[in-house]
PDB file of all heavy atoms in Angstrom:
ATOM      1  N   GLY A   1       0.765  -1.178  -0.034  1.00  0.00           N
ATOM      2  CA  GLY A   1       0.028   0.001   0.008  1.00  0.00           C
ATOM      3  C   GLY A   1       0.848   1.234  -0.006  1.00  0.00           C
ATOM      4  O   GLY A   1       0.430   2.272  -0.592  1.00  0.00           O
ATOM      5  N   ALA A   2       2.038   1.183   0.684  1.00  0.00           N
ATOM      6  CA  ALA A   2       2.888   2.386   0.723  1.00  0.00           C
ATOM      7  C   ALA A   2       3.558   2.567  -0.630  1.00  0.00           C
ATOM      8  O   ALA A   2       3.874   3.705  -1.051  1.00  0.00           O
ATOM      9  CB  ALA A   2       3.981   2.182   1.743  1.00  0.00           C
ATOM     10  N   GLU A   3       3.724   1.454  -1.409  1.00  0.00           N
ATOM     11  CA  GLU A   3       4.478   1.561  -2.708  1.00  0.00           C
ATOM     12  C   GLU A   3       3.473   1.910  -3.840  1.00  0.00           C
ATOM     13  O   GLU A   3       3.834   2.512  -4.807  1.00  0.00           O
ATOM     14  CB  GLU A   3       5.184   0.312  -2.970  1.00  0.00           C
ATOM     15  CG  GLU A   3       6.269  -0.076  -2.012  1.00  0.00           C
ATOM     16  CD  GLU A   3       6.745  -1.503  -2.076  1.00  0.00           C
ATOM     17  OE1 GLU A   3       6.220  -2.189  -2.911  1.00  0.00           O
ATOM     18  OE2 GLU A   3       7.677  -1.826  -1.357  1.00  0.00           O
ATOM     19  N   ARG A   4       2.229   1.455  -3.671  1.00  0.00           N
ATOM     20  CA  ARG A   4       1.266   1.665  -4.711  1.00  0.00           C
ATOM     21  C   ARG A   4       0.201   2.655  -4.184  1.00  0.00           C
ATOM     22  O   ARG A   4      -0.674   2.284  -3.417  1.00  0.00           O
ATOM     23  CB  ARG A   4       0.583   0.345  -5.117  1.00  0.00           C
ATOM     24  CG  ARG A   4       1.579  -0.626  -5.761  1.00  0.00           C
ATOM     25  CD  ARG A   4       0.961  -2.011  -6.117  1.00  0.00           C
ATOM     26  NE  ARG A   4      -0.107  -1.802  -7.010  1.00  0.00           N
ATOM     27  CZ  ARG A   4      -0.341  -2.655  -8.106  1.00  0.00           C
ATOM     28  NH1 ARG A   4       0.455  -3.620  -8.348  1.00  0.00           N
ATOM     29  NH2 ARG A   4      -1.336  -2.485  -8.852  1.00  0.00           N
ATOM     30  N   GLN A   5       0.361   3.917  -4.470  1.00  0.00           N
ATOM     31  CA  GLN A   5      -0.303   4.952  -3.884  1.00  0.00           C
ATOM     32  C   GLN A   5      -1.883   4.860  -3.877  1.00  0.00           C
ATOM     33  O   GLN A   5      -2.550   5.328  -2.967  1.00  0.00           O
ATOM     34  CB  GLN A   5       0.074   6.291  -4.343  1.00  0.00           C
ATOM     35  CG  GLN A   5       1.545   6.648  -3.940  1.00  0.00           C
ATOM     36  CD  GLN A   5       1.725   6.574  -2.428  1.00  0.00           C
ATOM     37  OE1 GLN A   5       0.925   7.188  -1.642  1.00  0.00           O
ATOM     38  NE2 GLN A   5       2.675   5.972  -2.045  1.00  0.00           N
ATOM     39  N   PRO A   6      -2.506   4.304  -4.840  1.00  0.00           N
ATOM     40  CA  PRO A   6      -3.971   4.192  -4.816  1.00  0.00           C
ATOM     41  C   PRO A   6      -4.418   3.456  -3.552  1.00  0.00           C
ATOM     42  O   PRO A   6      -5.622   3.503  -3.142  1.00  0.00           O
ATOM     43  CB  PRO A   6      -4.300   3.328  -6.074  1.00  0.00           C
ATOM     44  CG  PRO A   6      -3.210   3.675  -7.016  1.00  0.00           C
ATOM     45  CD  PRO A   6      -1.981   3.764  -6.206  1.00  0.00           C
ATOM     46  N   HIS A   7      -3.552   2.695  -2.938  1.00  0.00           N
ATOM     47  CA  HIS A   7      -3.984   1.927  -1.751  1.00  0.00           C
ATOM     48  C   HIS A   7      -3.417   2.546  -0.516  1.00  0.00           C
ATOM     49  O   HIS A   7      -3.361   1.857   0.615  1.00  0.00           O
ATOM     50  CB  HIS A   7      -3.558   0.404  -1.825  1.00  0.00           C
ATOM     51  CG  HIS A   7      -4.020  -0.213  -3.117  1.00  0.00           C
ATOM     52  ND1 HIS A   7      -5.371  -0.392  -3.407  1.00  0.00           N
ATOM     53  CD2 HIS A   7      -3.300  -0.583  -4.226  1.00  0.00           C
ATOM     54  CE1 HIS A   7      -5.478  -0.907  -4.609  1.00  0.00           C
ATOM     55  NE2 HIS A   7      -4.241  -1.111  -5.134  1.00  0.00           N
ATOM     56  N   ALA A   8      -2.873   3.712  -0.510  1.00  0.00           N
ATOM     57  CA  ALA A   8      -2.227   4.295   0.689  1.00  0.00           C
ATOM     58  C   ALA A   8      -2.834   5.712   0.924  1.00  0.00           C
ATOM     59  O   ALA A   8      -3.385   6.334   0.079  1.00  0.00           O
ATOM     60  CB  ALA A   8      -0.773   4.459   0.442  1.00  0.00           C
ATOM     61  N   LEU A   9      -2.695   6.168   2.142  1.00  0.00           N
ATOM     62  CA  LEU A   9      -3.053   7.554   2.553  1.00  0.00           C
ATOM     63  C   LEU A   9      -1.848   8.334   3.065  1.00  0.00           C
ATOM     64  O   LEU A   9      -0.985   7.663   3.714  1.00  0.00           O
ATOM     65  CB  LEU A   9      -4.142   7.502   3.593  1.00  0.00           C
ATOM     66  CG  LEU A   9      -5.543   6.987   3.140  1.00  0.00           C
ATOM     67  CD1 LEU A   9      -6.416   6.873   4.426  1.00  0.00           C
ATOM     68  CD2 LEU A   9      -6.112   7.945   2.159  1.00  0.00           C
ATOM     69  N   PRO A  10      -1.778   9.558   2.759  1.00  0.00           N
ATOM     70  CA  PRO A  10      -0.618  10.352   3.269  1.00  0.00           C
ATOM     71  C   PRO A  10      -0.726  10.383   4.822  1.00  0.00           C
ATOM     72  O   PRO A  10      -1.763  10.322   5.371  1.00  0.00           O
ATOM     73  CB  PRO A  10      -0.799  11.744   2.711  1.00  0.00           C
ATOM     74  CG  PRO A  10      -1.729  11.537   1.535  1.00  0.00           C
ATOM     75  CD  PRO A  10      -2.611  10.414   1.850  1.00  0.00           C
ATOM     76  N   ALA A  11       0.489  10.469   5.469  1.00  0.00           N
ATOM     77  CA  ALA A  11       0.554  10.489   6.902  1.00  0.00           C
ATOM     78  C   ALA A  11      -0.319  11.642   7.441  1.00  0.00           C
ATOM     79  O   ALA A  11      -0.983  11.505   8.488  1.00  0.00           O
ATOM     80  CB  ALA A  11       1.912  10.640   7.357  1.00  0.00           C
ATOM     81  N   ALA A  12      -0.339  12.773   6.763  1.00  0.00           N
ATOM     82  CA  ALA A  12      -1.130  14.009   7.264  1.00  0.00           C
ATOM     83  C   ALA A  12      -2.596  13.642   7.299  1.00  0.00           C
ATOM     84  O   ALA A  12      -3.360  14.073   8.275  1.00  0.00           O
ATOM     85  CB  ALA A  12      -0.852  15.148   6.391  1.00  0.00           C
ATOM     86  N   GLU A  13      -3.066  12.917   6.314  1.00  0.00           N
ATOM     87  CA  GLU A  13      -4.501  12.529   6.301  1.00  0.00           C
ATOM     88  C   GLU A  13      -4.788  11.450   7.364  1.00  0.00           C
ATOM     89  O   GLU A  13      -5.883  11.500   7.975  1.00  0.00           O
ATOM     90  CB  GLU A  13      -4.909  12.072   4.907  1.00  0.00           C
ATOM     91  CG  GLU A  13      -6.359  11.808   4.796  1.00  0.00           C
ATOM     92  CD  GLU A  13      -6.809  11.615   3.337  1.00  0.00           C
ATOM     93  OE1 GLU A  13      -6.006  11.835   2.431  1.00  0.00           O
ATOM     94  OE2 GLU A  13      -7.940  11.100   3.141  1.00  0.00           O
ATOM     95  N   LEU A  14      -3.862  10.540   7.569  1.00  0.00           N
ATOM     96  CA  LEU A  14      -4.119   9.522   8.536  1.00  0.00           C
ATOM     97  C   LEU A  14      -4.192  10.131   9.934  1.00  0.00           C
ATOM     98  O   LEU A  14      -4.892   9.593  10.864  1.00  0.00           O
ATOM     99  CB  LEU A  14      -2.973   8.456   8.513  1.00  0.00           C
ATOM    100  CG  LEU A  14      -3.073   7.483   7.384  1.00  0.00           C
ATOM    101  CD1 LEU A  14      -1.794   6.559   7.321  1.00  0.00           C
ATOM    102  CD2 LEU A  14      -4.257   6.655   7.466  1.00  0.00           C
ATOM    103  N   ARG A  15      -3.428  11.139  10.245  1.00  0.00           N
ATOM    104  CA  ARG A  15      -3.448  11.784  11.515  1.00  0.00           C
ATOM    105  C   ARG A  15      -4.919  12.289  11.915  1.00  0.00           C
ATOM    106  O   ARG A  15      -5.218  12.236  13.088  1.00  0.00           O
ATOM    107  CB  ARG A  15      -2.480  12.981  11.582  1.00  0.00           C
ATOM    108  CG  ARG A  15      -1.026  12.595  11.776  1.00  0.00           C
ATOM    109  CD  ARG A  15      -0.134  13.670  12.188  1.00  0.00           C
ATOM    110  NE  ARG A  15      -0.010  14.666  11.082  1.00  0.00           N
ATOM    111  CZ  ARG A  15       0.980  14.599  10.204  1.00  0.00           C
ATOM    112  NH1 ARG A  15       1.827  13.598  10.259  1.00  0.00           N
ATOM    113  NH2 ARG A  15       1.118  15.493   9.194  1.00  0.00           N
ATOM    114  N   ARG A  16      -5.657  12.654  10.960  1.00  0.00           N
ATOM    115  CA  ARG A  16      -7.051  13.067  11.236  1.00  0.00           C
ATOM    116  C   ARG A  16      -7.897  11.928  11.748  1.00  0.00           C
ATOM    117  O   ARG A  16      -8.692  12.116  12.647  1.00  0.00           O
ATOM    118  CB  ARG A  16      -7.642  13.686   9.975  1.00  0.00           C
ATOM    119  CG  ARG A  16      -6.955  14.913   9.451  1.00  0.00           C
ATOM    120  CD  ARG A  16      -7.420  15.228   7.991  1.00  0.00           C
ATOM    121  NE  ARG A  16      -8.813  15.441   8.003  1.00  0.00           N
ATOM    122  CZ  ARG A  16      -9.582  15.140   6.929  1.00  0.00           C
ATOM    123  NH1 ARG A  16      -9.002  14.572   5.866  1.00  0.00           N
ATOM    124  NH2 ARG A  16     -10.878  15.381   6.915  1.00  0.00           N
ATOM    125  N   TRP A  17      -7.577  10.760  11.244  1.00  0.00           N
ATOM    126  CA  TRP A  17      -8.276   9.582  11.726  1.00  0.00           C
ATOM    127  C   TRP A  17      -7.818   9.112  13.071  1.00  0.00           C
ATOM    128  O   TRP A  17      -8.590   8.749  13.942  1.00  0.00           O
ATOM    129  CB  TRP A  17      -8.168   8.433  10.673  1.00  0.00           C
ATOM    130  CG  TRP A  17      -8.865   8.757   9.377  1.00  0.00           C
ATOM    131  CD1 TRP A  17      -8.267   9.430   8.345  1.00  0.00           C
ATOM    132  CD2 TRP A  17     -10.236   8.539   8.985  1.00  0.00           C
ATOM    133  NE1 TRP A  17      -9.202   9.536   7.272  1.00  0.00           N
ATOM    134  CE2 TRP A  17     -10.426   9.007   7.665  1.00  0.00           C
ATOM    135  CE3 TRP A  17     -11.291   7.938   9.619  1.00  0.00           C
ATOM    136  CZ2 TRP A  17     -11.586   8.895   7.046  1.00  0.00           C
ATOM    137  CZ3 TRP A  17     -12.518   7.824   9.007  1.00  0.00           C
ATOM    138  CH2 TRP A  17     -12.662   8.319   7.719  1.00  0.00           C
ATOM    139  N   PHE A  18      -6.546   9.141  13.221  1.00  0.00           N
ATOM    140  CA  PHE A  18      -5.958   8.732  14.565  1.00  0.00           C
ATOM    141  C   PHE A  18      -6.381   9.688  15.741  1.00  0.00           C
ATOM    142  O   PHE A  18      -6.349   9.286  16.865  1.00  0.00           O
ATOM    143  CB  PHE A  18      -4.401   8.718  14.476  1.00  0.00           C
ATOM    144  CG  PHE A  18      -3.807   7.647  13.635  1.00  0.00           C
ATOM    145  CD1 PHE A  18      -2.704   7.849  12.883  1.00  0.00           C
ATOM    146  CD2 PHE A  18      -4.494   6.369  13.590  1.00  0.00           C
ATOM    147  CE1 PHE A  18      -2.177   6.802  12.146  1.00  0.00           C
ATOM    148  CE2 PHE A  18      -4.052   5.357  12.740  1.00  0.00           C
ATOM    149  CZ  PHE A  18      -2.859   5.617  11.980  1.00  0.00           C
ATOM    150  N   ALA A  19      -6.759  10.882  15.350  1.00  0.00           N
ATOM    151  CA  ALA A  19      -7.104  11.852  16.378  1.00  0.00           C
ATOM    152  C   ALA A  19      -8.601  11.780  16.786  1.00  0.00           C
ATOM    153  O   ALA A  19      -9.046  12.421  17.733  1.00  0.00           O
ATOM    154  CB  ALA A  19      -6.950  13.327  15.766  1.00  0.00           C
ATOM    155  N   LEU A  20      -9.298  10.781  16.206  1.00  0.00           N
ATOM    156  CA  LEU A  20     -10.686  10.639  16.647  1.00  0.00           C
ATOM    157  C   LEU A  20     -10.765  10.151  18.016  1.00  0.00           C
ATOM    158  O   LEU A  20      -9.964   9.320  18.514  1.00  0.00           O
ATOM    159  CB  LEU A  20     -11.358   9.505  15.750  1.00  0.00           C
ATOM    160  CG  LEU A  20     -11.773   9.926  14.388  1.00  0.00           C
ATOM    161  CD1 LEU A  20     -12.162   8.675  13.505  1.00  0.00           C
ATOM    162  CD2 LEU A  20     -12.946  11.016  14.383  1.00  0.00           C
ATOM    163  N   PRO A  21     -11.636  10.716  18.869  1.00  0.00           N
ATOM    164  CA  PRO A  21     -11.682  10.331  20.281  1.00  0.00           C
ATOM    165  C   PRO A  21     -12.134   8.806  20.454  1.00  0.00           C
ATOM    166  O   PRO A  21     -12.953   8.313  19.634  1.00  0.00           O
ATOM    167  CB  PRO A  21     -12.793  11.273  20.880  1.00  0.00           C
ATOM    168  CG  PRO A  21     -13.662  11.645  19.705  1.00  0.00           C
ATOM    169  CD  PRO A  21     -12.732  11.657  18.488  1.00  0.00           C
ATOM    170  N   ALA A  22     -11.674   8.217  21.442  1.00  0.00           N
ATOM    171  CA  ALA A  22     -12.017   6.786  21.740  1.00  0.00           C
ATOM    172  C   ALA A  22     -13.275   6.849  22.693  1.00  0.00           C
ATOM    173  O   ALA A  22     -13.476   7.839  23.470  1.00  0.00           O
ATOM    174  CB  ALA A  22     -10.902   6.097  22.442  1.00  0.00           C
ATOM    175  N   GLY A  23     -14.091   5.825  22.578  1.00  0.00           N
ATOM    176  CA  GLY A  23     -15.190   5.653  23.453  1.00  0.00           C
ATOM    177  C   GLY A  23     -16.274   6.654  23.097  1.00  0.00           C
ATOM    178  O   GLY A  23     -16.422   7.195  22.070  1.00  0.00           O
ATOM    179  N   GLY A  24     -17.183   6.943  24.139  1.00  0.00           N
ATOM    180  CA  GLY A  24     -18.265   7.837  23.867  1.00  0.00           C
ATOM    181  C   GLY A  24     -19.529   7.132  23.413  1.00  0.00           C
ATOM    182  O   GLY A  24     -19.473   5.897  23.095  1.00  0.00           O
ATOM    183  N   GLU A  25     -20.570   7.899  23.356  1.00  0.00           N
ATOM    184  CA  GLU A  25     -21.858   7.334  22.918  1.00  0.00           C
ATOM    185  C   GLU A  25     -21.860   7.110  21.418  1.00  0.00           C
ATOM    186  O   GLU A  25     -21.418   8.017  20.636  1.00  0.00           O
ATOM    187  CB  GLU A  25     -22.988   8.301  23.355  1.00  0.00           C
ATOM    188  CG  GLU A  25     -24.405   7.722  22.976  1.00  0.00           C
ATOM    189  CD  GLU A  25     -25.487   8.689  23.335  1.00  0.00           C
ATOM    190  OE1 GLU A  25     -25.156   9.843  23.748  1.00  0.00           O
ATOM    191  OE2 GLU A  25     -26.674   8.328  23.286  1.00  0.00           O
ATOM    192  N   ARG A  26     -22.363   5.943  20.967  1.00  0.00           N
ATOM    193  CA  ARG A  26     -22.352   5.562  19.611  1.00  0.00           C
ATOM    194  C   ARG A  26     -23.790   5.614  19.077  1.00  0.00           C
ATOM    195  O   ARG A  26     -24.654   4.823  19.603  1.00  0.00           O
ATOM    196  CB  ARG A  26     -21.743   4.202  19.353  1.00  0.00           C
ATOM    197  CG  ARG A  26     -20.309   4.103  19.943  1.00  0.00           C
ATOM    198  CD  ARG A  26     -19.404   5.045  19.220  1.00  0.00           C
ATOM    199  NE  ARG A  26     -17.999   4.895  19.633  1.00  0.00           N
ATOM    200  CZ  ARG A  26     -16.986   5.659  19.219  1.00  0.00           C
ATOM    201  NH1 ARG A  26     -17.251   6.697  18.368  1.00  0.00           N
ATOM    202  NH2 ARG A  26     -15.733   5.439  19.630  1.00  0.00           N
ATOM    203  N   THR A  27     -24.184   6.530  18.249  1.00  0.00           N
ATOM    204  CA  THR A  27     -25.542   6.708  17.937  1.00  0.00           C
ATOM    205  C   THR A  27     -25.825   6.591  16.411  1.00  0.00           C
ATOM    206  O   THR A  27     -26.928   6.777  15.955  1.00  0.00           O
ATOM    207  CB  THR A  27     -26.008   8.161  18.340  1.00  0.00           C
ATOM    208  OG1 THR A  27     -25.161   9.147  17.648  1.00  0.00           O
ATOM    209  CG2 THR A  27     -25.874   8.339  19.821  1.00  0.00           C
ATOM    210  N   THR A  28     -24.780   6.251  15.589  1.00  0.00           N
ATOM    211  CA  THR A  28     -24.972   6.324  14.198  1.00  0.00           C
ATOM    212  C   THR A  28     -24.404   5.005  13.491  1.00  0.00           C
ATOM    213  O   THR A  28     -23.305   4.545  13.860  1.00  0.00           O
ATOM    214  CB  THR A  28     -24.235   7.477  13.550  1.00  0.00           C
ATOM    215  OG1 THR A  28     -24.629   8.611  14.256  1.00  0.00           O
ATOM    216  CG2 THR A  28     -24.507   7.643  12.086  1.00  0.00           C
ATOM    217  N   LEU A  29     -25.117   4.433  12.510  1.00  0.00           N
ATOM    218  CA  LEU A  29     -24.624   3.515  11.626  1.00  0.00           C
ATOM    219  C   LEU A  29     -24.247   4.221  10.356  1.00  0.00           C
ATOM    220  O   LEU A  29     -25.040   4.939   9.767  1.00  0.00           O
ATOM    221  CB  LEU A  29     -25.702   2.449  11.284  1.00  0.00           C
ATOM    222  CG  LEU A  29     -26.270   1.619  12.540  1.00  0.00           C
ATOM    223  CD1 LEU A  29     -27.434   0.666  12.075  1.00  0.00           C
ATOM    224  CD2 LEU A  29     -25.128   0.779  13.087  1.00  0.00           C
ATOM    225  N   VAL A  30     -23.009   4.064   9.853  1.00  0.00           N
ATOM    226  CA  VAL A  30     -22.491   4.759   8.719  1.00  0.00           C
ATOM    227  C   VAL A  30     -22.323   3.840   7.553  1.00  0.00           C
ATOM    228  O   VAL A  30     -21.705   2.849   7.683  1.00  0.00           O
ATOM    229  CB  VAL A  30     -21.181   5.440   9.129  1.00  0.00           C
ATOM    230  CG1 VAL A  30     -20.629   6.261   7.872  1.00  0.00           C
ATOM    231  CG2 VAL A  30     -21.368   6.353  10.263  1.00  0.00           C
ATOM    232  N   HIS A  31     -22.900   4.276   6.396  1.00  0.00           N
ATOM    233  CA  HIS A  31     -22.696   3.461   5.178  1.00  0.00           C
ATOM    234  C   HIS A  31     -22.105   4.343   4.071  1.00  0.00           C
ATOM    235  O   HIS A  31     -22.582   5.388   3.813  1.00  0.00           O
ATOM    236  CB  HIS A  31     -24.066   2.899   4.666  1.00  0.00           C
ATOM    237  CG  HIS A  31     -23.977   2.176   3.340  1.00  0.00           C
ATOM    238  ND1 HIS A  31     -23.104   1.159   3.135  1.00  0.00           N
ATOM    239  CD2 HIS A  31     -24.608   2.293   2.234  1.00  0.00           C
ATOM    240  CE1 HIS A  31     -23.201   0.692   1.839  1.00  0.00           C
ATOM    241  NE2 HIS A  31     -24.155   1.408   1.256  1.00  0.00           N
ATOM    242  N   VAL A  32     -20.911   3.872   3.579  1.00  0.00           N
ATOM    243  CA  VAL A  32     -20.171   4.678   2.551  1.00  0.00           C
ATOM    244  C   VAL A  32     -20.591   4.133   1.187  1.00  0.00           C
ATOM    245  O   VAL A  32     -20.479   2.995   0.941  1.00  0.00           O
ATOM    246  CB  VAL A  32     -18.652   4.575   2.846  1.00  0.00           C
ATOM    247  CG1 VAL A  32     -17.915   5.454   1.847  1.00  0.00           C
ATOM    248  CG2 VAL A  32     -18.375   4.896   4.315  1.00  0.00           C
ATOM    249  N   VAL A  33     -20.933   5.083   0.321  1.00  0.00           N
ATOM    250  CA  VAL A  33     -21.513   4.639  -0.896  1.00  0.00           C
ATOM    251  C   VAL A  33     -20.733   5.236  -2.149  1.00  0.00           C
ATOM    252  O   VAL A  33     -20.314   6.380  -2.115  1.00  0.00           O
ATOM    253  CB  VAL A  33     -22.973   5.262  -1.054  1.00  0.00           C
ATOM    254  CG1 VAL A  33     -23.603   4.647  -2.335  1.00  0.00           C
ATOM    255  CG2 VAL A  33     -23.785   4.854   0.182  1.00  0.00           C
ATOM    256  N   THR A  34     -20.376   4.371  -3.083  1.00  0.00           N
ATOM    257  CA  THR A  34     -19.896   4.839  -4.328  1.00  0.00           C
ATOM    258  C   THR A  34     -20.978   4.773  -5.445  1.00  0.00           C
ATOM    259  O   THR A  34     -21.228   5.783  -6.072  1.00  0.00           O
ATOM    260  CB  THR A  34     -18.669   3.883  -4.797  1.00  0.00           C
ATOM    261  OG1 THR A  34     -17.702   3.969  -3.787  1.00  0.00           O
ATOM    262  CG2 THR A  34     -18.115   4.412  -6.124  1.00  0.00           C
ATOM    263  N   ASP A  35     -21.603   3.613  -5.581  1.00  0.00           N
ATOM    264  CA  ASP A  35     -22.747   3.460  -6.472  1.00  0.00           C
ATOM    265  C   ASP A  35     -23.841   2.849  -5.632  1.00  0.00           C
ATOM    266  O   ASP A  35     -23.723   1.636  -5.233  1.00  0.00           O
ATOM    267  CB  ASP A  35     -22.353   2.557  -7.633  1.00  0.00           C
ATOM    268  CG  ASP A  35     -23.473   2.367  -8.584  1.00  0.00           C
ATOM    269  OD1 ASP A  35     -24.682   2.446  -8.242  1.00  0.00           O
ATOM    270  OD2 ASP A  35     -23.254   2.060  -9.832  1.00  0.00           O
ATOM    271  N   PRO A  36     -24.954   3.550  -5.330  1.00  0.00           N
ATOM    272  CA  PRO A  36     -25.871   3.071  -4.345  1.00  0.00           C
ATOM    273  C   PRO A  36     -26.398   1.643  -4.586  1.00  0.00           C
ATOM    274  O   PRO A  36     -26.528   0.937  -3.581  1.00  0.00           O
ATOM    275  CB  PRO A  36     -27.027   4.071  -4.435  1.00  0.00           C
ATOM    276  CG  PRO A  36     -26.322   5.373  -4.866  1.00  0.00           C
ATOM    277  CD  PRO A  36     -25.235   4.899  -5.812  1.00  0.00           C
ATOM    278  N   PHE A  37     -26.681   1.315  -5.813  1.00  0.00           N
ATOM    279  CA  PHE A  37     -27.391   0.004  -6.033  1.00  0.00           C
ATOM    280  C   PHE A  37     -26.305  -1.108  -6.393  1.00  0.00           C
ATOM    281  O   PHE A  37     -26.631  -2.254  -6.386  1.00  0.00           O
ATOM    282  CB  PHE A  37     -28.403   0.162  -7.102  1.00  0.00           C
ATOM    283  CG  PHE A  37     -29.531   1.009  -6.665  1.00  0.00           C
ATOM    284  CD1 PHE A  37     -29.567   2.364  -7.043  1.00  0.00           C
ATOM    285  CD2 PHE A  37     -30.434   0.697  -5.692  1.00  0.00           C
ATOM    286  CE1 PHE A  37     -30.553   3.273  -6.618  1.00  0.00           C
ATOM    287  CE2 PHE A  37     -31.400   1.509  -5.212  1.00  0.00           C
ATOM    288  CZ  PHE A  37     -31.407   2.818  -5.665  1.00  0.00           C
ATOM    289  N   ALA A  38     -25.126  -0.639  -6.677  1.00  0.00           N
ATOM    290  CA  ALA A  38     -24.061  -1.656  -6.882  1.00  0.00           C
ATOM    291  C   ALA A  38     -23.350  -2.055  -5.545  1.00  0.00           C
ATOM    292  O   ALA A  38     -22.814  -3.101  -5.291  1.00  0.00           O
ATOM    293  CB  ALA A  38     -22.989  -1.224  -7.838  1.00  0.00           C
ATOM    294  N   ASP A  39     -23.450  -1.003  -4.608  1.00  0.00           N
ATOM    295  CA  ASP A  39     -22.730  -1.192  -3.270  1.00  0.00           C
ATOM    296  C   ASP A  39     -23.688  -1.794  -2.158  1.00  0.00           C
ATOM    297  O   ASP A  39     -23.254  -1.879  -1.045  1.00  0.00           O
ATOM    298  CB  ASP A  39     -22.245   0.153  -2.730  1.00  0.00           C
ATOM    299  CG  ASP A  39     -21.126   0.734  -3.657  1.00  0.00           C
ATOM    300  OD1 ASP A  39     -20.584  -0.051  -4.396  1.00  0.00           O
ATOM    301  OD2 ASP A  39     -20.861   1.920  -3.566  1.00  0.00           O
ATOM    302  N   GLY A  40     -24.872  -2.180  -2.593  1.00  0.00           N
ATOM    303  CA  GLY A  40     -25.803  -2.824  -1.598  1.00  0.00           C
ATOM    304  C   GLY A  40     -26.482  -1.799  -0.649  1.00  0.00           C
ATOM    305  O   GLY A  40     -26.989  -2.175   0.365  1.00  0.00           O
ATOM    306  N   THR A  41     -26.548  -0.559  -1.082  1.00  0.00           N
ATOM    307  CA  THR A  41     -27.151   0.471  -0.256  1.00  0.00           C
ATOM    308  C   THR A  41     -28.627   0.191  -0.003  1.00  0.00           C
ATOM    309  O   THR A  41     -29.145   0.446   1.027  1.00  0.00           O
ATOM    310  CB  THR A  41     -26.951   1.862  -0.841  1.00  0.00           C
ATOM    311  OG1 THR A  41     -25.511   2.098  -1.170  1.00  0.00           O
ATOM    312  CG2 THR A  41     -27.442   3.007   0.131  1.00  0.00           C
TER     313      THR A  41
END
């Protein structure tokens, strides 16, 4: 993934994800969509 960039993220972008708070109330189911009816939405 580090050698083939389509499968990698820059360190600066990853830091935003690592900074997410742990724990807390979980109130949402999240579905990420590219093509709604091909992705099973």
